[in-house]
Amino acid sequence: MSTIGLIGTGKIGSNLARMAVAAGHHVVLSNSRGPESLADLVAELGERASAAPPVEAALAGDLVVVSLPLYALRDVPAAELVGKVIIDTSNYFAERDGTVPELESGAVTVSELLQKHLEKSKVVKCFNNLYYRHMSLLARPSGAPDRTHLTMAGDDAEAKTAAAEFIGSIGYSVVDAGPLAEGWRFELGRLAYAVYTDDTTERDENGIHGPAIRTADEVREALAKATR
């Protein structure tokens, strides 16, 4: 199994770390507050987990997950990620991140901004539209008939293959939405952004419906219906 570097260990990042360790991967966790702030999570995850500054997590990862607010993406270490596959889970929320005109106009997607910053890395977009509480609930073993298919976008075919292998190892299949420029199809406000929730169920305290398993065809249909 591989070593997964995580830059950002919030709700998505920490759950990905749990799932990665359960699948047999090693993880190197990092955040903006320092390795000592991750002691409890490292203890929970056990011997396959360690914590380090972001630069060291970037260097250690065979594959690196960036799970940060959009406003923090400029702080992702670029030199240490040259040539590496990056899974980007980020979303754009103007009320949190401030207004970004090129995102508002649709000139670029969120992950294209990260790719511009990490120009010598290979960015793949995934997990931005999966609610953190649903991550383990929707995961299934390889070959399970009810395996959920996650949306994925990226410009590099080999990087998407590597990302899909990791995603597969933790319990999901993927639907390739195309290059990063097509990532808008599953960003906030589009049908595919909420495709993994069931609107016939009650909402939780965050206003999110319960989880929904989605086939490849259902995901492709949601992507195709996206409009700007």
C-alpha atoms as a PDB file:
ATOM      1  CA  MET A   1       0.000   0.000   0.000  1.00  0.00           C
ATOM      2  CA  SER A   2       1.022   3.611  -0.508  1.00  0.00           C
ATOM      3  CA  THR A   3       1.631   6.603   1.732  1.00  0.00           C
ATOM      4  CA  ILE A   4      -1.007   9.313   1.511  1.00  0.00           C
ATOM      5  CA  GLY A   5      -0.031  12.841   2.464  1.00  0.00           C
ATOM      6  CA  LEU A   6      -2.868  15.015   3.709  1.00  0.00           C
ATOM      7  CA  ILE A   7      -2.634  18.792   3.651  1.00  0.00           C
ATOM      8  CA  GLY A   8      -5.653  19.773   5.691  1.00  0.00           C
ATOM      9  CA  THR A   9      -7.328  17.475   8.193  1.00  0.00           C
ATOM     10  CA  GLY A  10     -10.749  18.964   8.675  1.00  0.00           C
ATOM     11  CA  LYS A  11     -13.913  16.940   8.344  1.00  0.00           C
ATOM     12  CA  ILE A  12     -13.181  15.625   4.844  1.00  0.00           C
ATOM     13  CA  GLY A  13      -9.441  15.211   5.321  1.00  0.00           C
ATOM     14  CA  SER A  14      -9.717  13.398   8.642  1.00  0.00           C
ATOM     15  CA  ASN A  15     -12.356  11.011   7.319  1.00  0.00           C
ATOM     16  CA  LEU A  16     -10.251  10.277   4.247  1.00  0.00           C
ATOM     17  CA  ALA A  17      -7.359   9.529   6.605  1.00  0.00           C
ATOM     18  CA  ARG A  18      -9.512   7.080   8.565  1.00  0.00           C
ATOM     19  CA  MET A  19     -10.648   5.330   5.400  1.00  0.00           C
ATOM     20  CA  ALA A  20      -7.120   5.222   3.986  1.00  0.00           C
ATOM     21  CA  VAL A  21      -5.721   3.623   7.137  1.00  0.00           C
ATOM     22  CA  ALA A  22      -8.584   1.119   7.204  1.00  0.00           C
ATOM     23  CA  ALA A  23      -7.663   0.182   3.623  1.00  0.00           C
ATOM     24  CA  GLY A  24      -4.040  -0.436   4.613  1.00  0.00           C
ATOM     25  CA  HIS A  25      -2.411   2.829   3.538  1.00  0.00           C
ATOM     26  CA  HIS A  26      -0.039   4.883   5.651  1.00  0.00           C
ATOM     27  CA  VAL A  27      -1.000   8.518   6.168  1.00  0.00           C
ATOM     28  CA  VAL A  28       0.994  11.628   7.028  1.00  0.00           C
ATOM     29  CA  LEU A  29      -1.329  14.290   8.403  1.00  0.00           C
ATOM     30  CA  SER A  30      -0.768  18.039   8.406  1.00  0.00           C
ATOM     31  CA  ASN A  31      -2.638  21.238   9.113  1.00  0.00           C
ATOM     32  CA  SER A  32      -1.980  24.913   9.762  1.00  0.00           C
ATOM     33  CA  ARG A  33      -1.838  24.482  13.548  1.00  0.00           C
ATOM     34  CA  GLY A  34       1.126  22.129  13.738  1.00  0.00           C
ATOM     35  CA  PRO A  35       1.649  18.370  14.243  1.00  0.00           C
ATOM     36  CA  GLU A  36       0.983  18.534  17.985  1.00  0.00           C
ATOM     37  CA  SER A  37      -2.634  19.529  17.285  1.00  0.00           C
ATOM     38  CA  LEU A  38      -3.110  16.211  15.486  1.00  0.00           C
ATOM     39  CA  ALA A  39      -1.974  13.989  18.363  1.00  0.00           C
ATOM     40  CA  ASP A  40      -5.460  12.685  19.139  1.00  0.00           C
ATOM     41  CA  LEU A  41      -6.181  11.793  15.520  1.00  0.00           C
ATOM     42  CA  VAL A  42      -2.807  10.079  15.135  1.00  0.00           C
ATOM     43  CA  ALA A  43      -3.506   8.077  18.310  1.00  0.00           C
ATOM     44  CA  GLU A  44      -6.919   7.099  16.975  1.00  0.00           C
ATOM     45  CA  LEU A  45      -5.514   5.963  13.636  1.00  0.00           C
ATOM     46  CA  GLY A  46      -2.642   3.969  15.092  1.00  0.00           C
ATOM     47  CA  GLU A  47       0.735   2.909  13.780  1.00  0.00           C
ATOM     48  CA  ARG A  48       0.011   3.689  10.132  1.00  0.00           C
ATOM     49  CA  ALA A  49      -0.465   7.384  10.918  1.00  0.00           C
ATOM     50  CA  SER A  50       1.893  10.222  11.726  1.00  0.00           C
ATOM     51  CA  ALA A  51       1.728  14.014  11.749  1.00  0.00           C
ATOM     52  CA  ALA A  52       4.113  16.537  10.232  1.00  0.00           C
ATOM     53  CA  PRO A  53       4.210  20.080   8.839  1.00  0.00           C
ATOM     54  CA  PRO A  54       2.578  20.457   5.393  1.00  0.00           C
ATOM     55  CA  VAL A  55       5.929  20.522   3.594  1.00  0.00           C
ATOM     56  CA  GLU A  56       6.867  17.141   5.077  1.00  0.00           C
ATOM     57  CA  ALA A  57       3.437  15.646   4.370  1.00  0.00           C
ATOM     58  CA  ALA A  58       3.816  16.805   0.770  1.00  0.00           C
ATOM     59  CA  LEU A  59       7.228  15.177   0.465  1.00  0.00           C
ATOM     60  CA  ALA A  60       6.117  11.933   2.123  1.00  0.00           C
ATOM     61  CA  GLY A  61       3.007  11.285   0.072  1.00  0.00           C
ATOM     62  CA  ASP A  62       3.004   8.971  -2.920  1.00  0.00           C
ATOM     63  CA  LEU A  63      -0.325  10.708  -3.504  1.00  0.00           C
ATOM     64  CA  VAL A  64      -1.360  13.894  -1.702  1.00  0.00           C
ATOM     65  CA  VAL A  65      -4.834  15.053  -0.702  1.00  0.00           C
ATOM     66  CA  VAL A  66      -5.369  18.804  -0.438  1.00  0.00           C
ATOM     67  CA  SER A  67      -8.441  19.462   1.679  1.00  0.00           C
ATOM     68  CA  LEU A  68      -8.429  23.171   2.466  1.00  0.00           C
ATOM     69  CA  PRO A  69     -10.682  26.210   2.167  1.00  0.00           C
ATOM     70  CA  LEU A  70     -10.176  27.981  -1.134  1.00  0.00           C
ATOM     71  CA  TYR A  71      -8.534  30.982   0.517  1.00  0.00           C
ATOM     72  CA  ALA A  72      -5.782  28.707   1.894  1.00  0.00           C
ATOM     73  CA  LEU A  73      -4.845  27.026  -1.386  1.00  0.00           C
ATOM     74  CA  ARG A  74      -2.139  29.611  -2.093  1.00  0.00           C
ATOM     75  CA  ASP A  75      -0.289  28.260   0.965  1.00  0.00           C
ATOM     76  CA  VAL A  76      -0.005  24.710  -0.405  1.00  0.00           C
ATOM     77  CA  PRO A  77       3.733  23.973  -0.846  1.00  0.00           C
ATOM     78  CA  ALA A  78       4.426  23.803  -4.577  1.00  0.00           C
ATOM     79  CA  ALA A  79       8.073  22.777  -4.805  1.00  0.00           C
ATOM     80  CA  GLU A  80       7.545  19.670  -2.674  1.00  0.00           C
ATOM     81  CA  LEU A  81       4.652  18.530  -4.866  1.00  0.00           C
ATOM     82  CA  VAL A  82       6.372  18.657  -8.252  1.00  0.00           C
ATOM     83  CA  GLY A  83       5.371  15.640 -10.330  1.00  0.00           C
ATOM     84  CA  LYS A  84       2.914  14.328  -7.748  1.00  0.00           C
ATOM     85  CA  VAL A  85      -0.762  13.436  -8.069  1.00  0.00           C
ATOM     86  CA  ILE A  86      -2.923  15.775  -5.994  1.00  0.00           C
ATOM     87  CA  ILE A  87      -6.533  15.043  -5.059  1.00  0.00           C
ATOM     88  CA  ASP A  88      -8.306  18.356  -4.488  1.00  0.00           C
ATOM     89  CA  THR A  89     -11.463  18.327  -2.357  1.00  0.00           C
ATOM     90  CA  SER A  90     -11.967  22.094  -2.151  1.00  0.00           C
ATOM     91  CA  ASN A  91     -15.067  24.162  -2.809  1.00  0.00           C
ATOM     92  CA  TYR A  92     -15.736  27.851  -3.351  1.00  0.00           C
ATOM     93  CA  PHE A  93     -17.982  29.586  -0.833  1.00  0.00           C
ATOM     94  CA  ALA A  94     -17.941  33.330  -1.443  1.00  0.00           C
ATOM     95  CA  GLU A  95     -19.157  34.119   2.075  1.00  0.00           C
ATOM     96  CA  ARG A  96     -16.136  32.273   3.488  1.00  0.00           C
ATOM     97  CA  ASP A  97     -13.494  32.741   0.803  1.00  0.00           C
ATOM     98  CA  GLY A  98     -14.359  36.217  -0.426  1.00  0.00           C
ATOM     99  CA  THR A  99     -15.562  36.942  -3.938  1.00  0.00           C
ATOM    100  CA  VAL A 100     -13.322  35.540  -6.666  1.00  0.00           C
ATOM    101  CA  PRO A 101     -14.361  37.194  -9.963  1.00  0.00           C
ATOM    102  CA  GLU A 102     -12.946  34.503 -12.249  1.00  0.00           C
ATOM    103  CA  LEU A 103     -14.927  31.847 -10.382  1.00  0.00           C
ATOM    104  CA  GLU A 104     -18.062  33.969 -10.343  1.00  0.00           C
ATOM    105  CA  SER A 105     -17.807  34.447 -14.110  1.00  0.00           C
ATOM    106  CA  GLY A 106     -17.085  30.785 -14.806  1.00  0.00           C
ATOM    107  CA  ALA A 107     -13.745  31.622 -16.416  1.00  0.00           C
ATOM    108  CA  VAL A 108     -12.049  28.907 -14.363  1.00  0.00           C
ATOM    109  CA  THR A 109     -12.971  26.148 -11.941  1.00  0.00           C
ATOM    110  CA  VAL A 110     -11.776  25.822  -8.357  1.00  0.00           C
ATOM    111  CA  SER A 111      -9.348  23.038  -9.177  1.00  0.00           C
ATOM    112  CA  GLU A 112      -7.945  24.938 -12.146  1.00  0.00           C
ATOM    113  CA  LEU A 113      -6.876  27.608  -9.667  1.00  0.00           C
ATOM    114  CA  LEU A 114      -5.034  24.981  -7.628  1.00  0.00           C
ATOM    115  CA  GLN A 115      -3.494  23.529 -10.785  1.00  0.00           C
ATOM    116  CA  LYS A 116      -2.279  27.015 -11.716  1.00  0.00           C
ATOM    117  CA  HIS A 117      -0.600  27.286  -8.314  1.00  0.00           C
ATOM    118  CA  LEU A 118       0.796  23.734  -8.553  1.00  0.00           C
ATOM    119  CA  GLU A 119       1.769  24.015 -12.197  1.00  0.00           C
ATOM    120  CA  LYS A 120       4.173  21.062 -12.072  1.00  0.00           C
ATOM    121  CA  SER A 121       1.796  18.755 -10.196  1.00  0.00           C
ATOM    122  CA  LYS A 122      -1.169  16.751 -11.499  1.00  0.00           C
ATOM    123  CA  VAL A 123      -4.423  17.837  -9.885  1.00  0.00           C
ATOM    124  CA  VAL A 124      -7.499  15.598  -9.792  1.00  0.00           C
ATOM    125  CA  LYS A 125     -10.815  16.895  -8.430  1.00  0.00           C
ATOM    126  CA  CYS A 126     -12.833  14.554  -6.191  1.00  0.00           C
ATOM    127  CA  PHE A 127     -14.710  14.366  -2.856  1.00  0.00           C
ATOM    128  CA  ASN A 128     -15.845  18.017  -2.945  1.00  0.00           C
ATOM    129  CA  ASN A 129     -19.474  16.939  -3.291  1.00  0.00           C
ATOM    130  CA  LEU A 130     -19.507  14.174  -0.662  1.00  0.00           C
ATOM    131  CA  TYR A 131     -20.799  15.067   2.815  1.00  0.00           C
ATOM    132  CA  TYR A 132     -18.286  14.053   5.458  1.00  0.00           C
ATOM    133  CA  ARG A 133     -20.856  12.079   7.474  1.00  0.00           C
ATOM    134  CA  HIS A 134     -21.732  10.004   4.424  1.00  0.00           C
ATOM    135  CA  MET A 135     -18.204   9.005   3.444  1.00  0.00           C
ATOM    136  CA  SER A 136     -17.942   5.737   5.341  1.00  0.00           C
ATOM    137  CA  LEU A 137     -21.665   4.997   4.947  1.00  0.00           C
ATOM    138  CA  LEU A 138     -21.455   4.963   1.143  1.00  0.00           C
ATOM    139  CA  ALA A 139     -18.172   3.044   0.849  1.00  0.00           C
ATOM    140  CA  ARG A 140     -18.389  -0.548  -0.383  1.00  0.00           C
ATOM    141  CA  PRO A 141     -15.886  -3.325  -1.168  1.00  0.00           C
ATOM    142  CA  SER A 142     -14.685  -3.790  -4.732  1.00  0.00           C
ATOM    143  CA  GLY A 143     -17.266  -5.642  -6.788  1.00  0.00           C
ATOM    144  CA  ALA A 144     -20.215  -4.778  -4.544  1.00  0.00           C
ATOM    145  CA  PRO A 145     -23.358  -4.241  -6.663  1.00  0.00           C
ATOM    146  CA  ASP A 146     -24.314  -1.120  -4.710  1.00  0.00           C
ATOM    147  CA  ARG A 147     -20.972   0.651  -4.933  1.00  0.00           C
ATOM    148  CA  THR A 148     -21.256   4.425  -5.250  1.00  0.00           C
ATOM    149  CA  HIS A 149     -19.549   6.155  -8.182  1.00  0.00           C
ATOM    150  CA  LEU A 150     -17.837   9.445  -7.343  1.00  0.00           C
ATOM    151  CA  THR A 151     -17.308  12.305  -9.770  1.00  0.00           C
ATOM    152  CA  MET A 152     -13.713  12.960 -10.766  1.00  0.00           C
ATOM    153  CA  ALA A 153     -12.049  15.463 -13.106  1.00  0.00           C
ATOM    154  CA  GLY A 154      -8.455  16.012 -14.159  1.00  0.00           C
ATOM    155  CA  ASP A 155      -6.223  16.938 -17.065  1.00  0.00           C
ATOM    156  CA  ASP A 156      -3.731  14.065 -16.811  1.00  0.00           C
ATOM    157  CA  ALA A 157      -4.884  10.540 -17.686  1.00  0.00           C
ATOM    158  CA  GLU A 158      -2.221   8.777 -15.622  1.00  0.00           C
ATOM    159  CA  ALA A 159      -3.003  10.953 -12.622  1.00  0.00           C
ATOM    160  CA  LYS A 160      -6.682  10.099 -12.890  1.00  0.00           C
ATOM    161  CA  THR A 161      -5.806   6.411 -13.017  1.00  0.00           C
ATOM    162  CA  ALA A 162      -3.685   6.747  -9.871  1.00  0.00           C
ATOM    163  CA  ALA A 163      -6.412   8.718  -8.104  1.00  0.00           C
ATOM    164  CA  ALA A 164      -9.054   6.183  -9.134  1.00  0.00           C
ATOM    165  CA  GLU A 165      -6.932   3.365  -7.715  1.00  0.00           C
ATOM    166  CA  PHE A 166      -6.744   5.104  -4.352  1.00  0.00           C
ATOM    167  CA  ILE A 167     -10.439   5.992  -4.424  1.00  0.00           C
ATOM    168  CA  GLY A 168     -11.221   2.384  -5.296  1.00  0.00           C
ATOM    169  CA  SER A 169      -9.136   1.113  -2.404  1.00  0.00           C
ATOM    170  CA  ILE A 170     -11.219   3.043   0.128  1.00  0.00           C
ATOM    171  CA  GLY A 171     -14.581   1.949  -1.210  1.00  0.00           C
ATOM    172  CA  TYR A 172     -15.716   3.825  -4.306  1.00  0.00           C
ATOM    173  CA  SER A 173     -15.770   3.639  -8.071  1.00  0.00           C
ATOM    174  CA  VAL A 174     -15.449   6.774 -10.203  1.00  0.00           C
ATOM    175  CA  VAL A 175     -17.103   8.542 -13.106  1.00  0.00           C
ATOM    176  CA  ASP A 176     -14.678  10.615 -15.156  1.00  0.00           C
ATOM    177  CA  ALA A 177     -16.239  14.027 -15.752  1.00  0.00           C
ATOM    178  CA  GLY A 178     -13.420  15.078 -18.081  1.00  0.00           C
ATOM    179  CA  PRO A 179     -10.707  17.737 -17.658  1.00  0.00           C
ATOM    180  CA  LEU A 180     -10.517  20.168 -14.753  1.00  0.00           C
ATOM    181  CA  ALA A 181     -12.363  22.718 -16.880  1.00  0.00           C
ATOM    182  CA  GLU A 182     -15.436  20.475 -16.616  1.00  0.00           C
ATOM    183  CA  GLY A 183     -15.234  20.345 -12.823  1.00  0.00           C
ATOM    184  CA  TRP A 184     -17.860  23.089 -12.617  1.00  0.00           C
ATOM    185  CA  ARG A 185     -20.412  20.390 -13.399  1.00  0.00           C
ATOM    186  CA  PHE A 186     -20.146  19.094  -9.830  1.00  0.00           C
ATOM    187  CA  GLU A 187     -19.375  22.319  -8.010  1.00  0.00           C
ATOM    188  CA  LEU A 188     -21.748  24.070  -5.607  1.00  0.00           C
ATOM    189  CA  GLY A 189     -25.184  24.798  -7.061  1.00  0.00           C
ATOM    190  CA  ARG A 190     -25.210  22.033  -9.686  1.00  0.00           C
ATOM    191  CA  LEU A 191     -27.294  18.870  -9.547  1.00  0.00           C
ATOM    192  CA  ALA A 192     -24.201  16.681  -9.262  1.00  0.00           C
ATOM    193  CA  TYR A 193     -23.042  18.613  -6.200  1.00  0.00           C
ATOM    194  CA  ALA A 194     -25.923  17.112  -4.212  1.00  0.00           C
ATOM    195  CA  VAL A 195     -26.209  13.852  -6.122  1.00  0.00           C
ATOM    196  CA  TYR A 196     -25.075  11.733  -3.158  1.00  0.00           C
ATOM    197  CA  THR A 197     -27.914  12.876  -0.911  1.00  0.00           C
ATOM    198  CA  ASP A 198     -31.488  11.593  -0.856  1.00  0.00           C
ATOM    199  CA  ASP A 199     -33.961  14.461  -0.792  1.00  0.00           C
ATOM    200  CA  THR A 200     -36.741  12.141   0.405  1.00  0.00           C
ATOM    201  CA  THR A 201     -35.013  11.771   3.791  1.00  0.00           C
ATOM    202  CA  GLU A 202     -34.978  14.131   6.740  1.00  0.00           C
ATOM    203  CA  ARG A 203     -32.268  16.760   6.996  1.00  0.00           C
ATOM    204  CA  ASP A 204     -29.725  16.723   9.800  1.00  0.00           C
ATOM    205  CA  GLU A 205     -28.845  19.743  11.943  1.00  0.00           C
ATOM    206  CA  ASN A 206     -26.666  21.047   9.098  1.00  0.00           C
ATOM    207  CA  GLY A 207     -29.556  20.892   6.657  1.00  0.00           C
ATOM    208  CA  ILE A 208     -28.172  17.880   4.762  1.00  0.00           C
ATOM    209  CA  HIS A 209     -30.350  14.972   3.648  1.00  0.00           C
ATOM    210  CA  GLY A 210     -29.351  11.352   4.205  1.00  0.00           C
ATOM    211  CA  PRO A 211     -26.902   9.482   1.953  1.00  0.00           C
ATOM    212  CA  ALA A 212     -27.801   8.159  -1.488  1.00  0.00           C
ATOM    213  CA  ILE A 213     -25.983   5.413  -3.389  1.00  0.00           C
ATOM    214  CA  ARG A 214     -25.558   6.428  -7.041  1.00  0.00           C
ATOM    215  CA  THR A 215     -24.778   4.323 -10.070  1.00  0.00           C
ATOM    216  CA  ALA A 216     -22.469   5.462 -12.835  1.00  0.00           C
ATOM    217  CA  ASP A 217     -25.442   6.203 -15.086  1.00  0.00           C
ATOM    218  CA  GLU A 218     -27.156   8.312 -12.429  1.00  0.00           C
ATOM    219  CA  VAL A 219     -24.000  10.328 -11.882  1.00  0.00           C
ATOM    220  CA  ARG A 220     -23.454  10.838 -15.611  1.00  0.00           C
ATOM    221  CA  GLU A 221     -27.043  12.034 -15.960  1.00  0.00           C
ATOM    222  CA  ALA A 222     -26.541  14.580 -13.177  1.00  0.00           C
ATOM    223  CA  LEU A 223     -23.335  15.826 -14.796  1.00  0.00           C
ATOM    224  CA  ALA A 224     -25.022  16.130 -18.187  1.00  0.00           C
ATOM    225  CA  LYS A 225     -27.833  18.249 -16.730  1.00  0.00           C
ATOM    226  CA  ALA A 226     -25.455  20.864 -15.326  1.00  0.00           C
ATOM    227  CA  THR A 227     -25.995  24.408 -16.565  1.00  0.00           C
ATOM    228  CA  ARG A 228     -24.194  27.686 -15.997  1.00  0.00           C
END
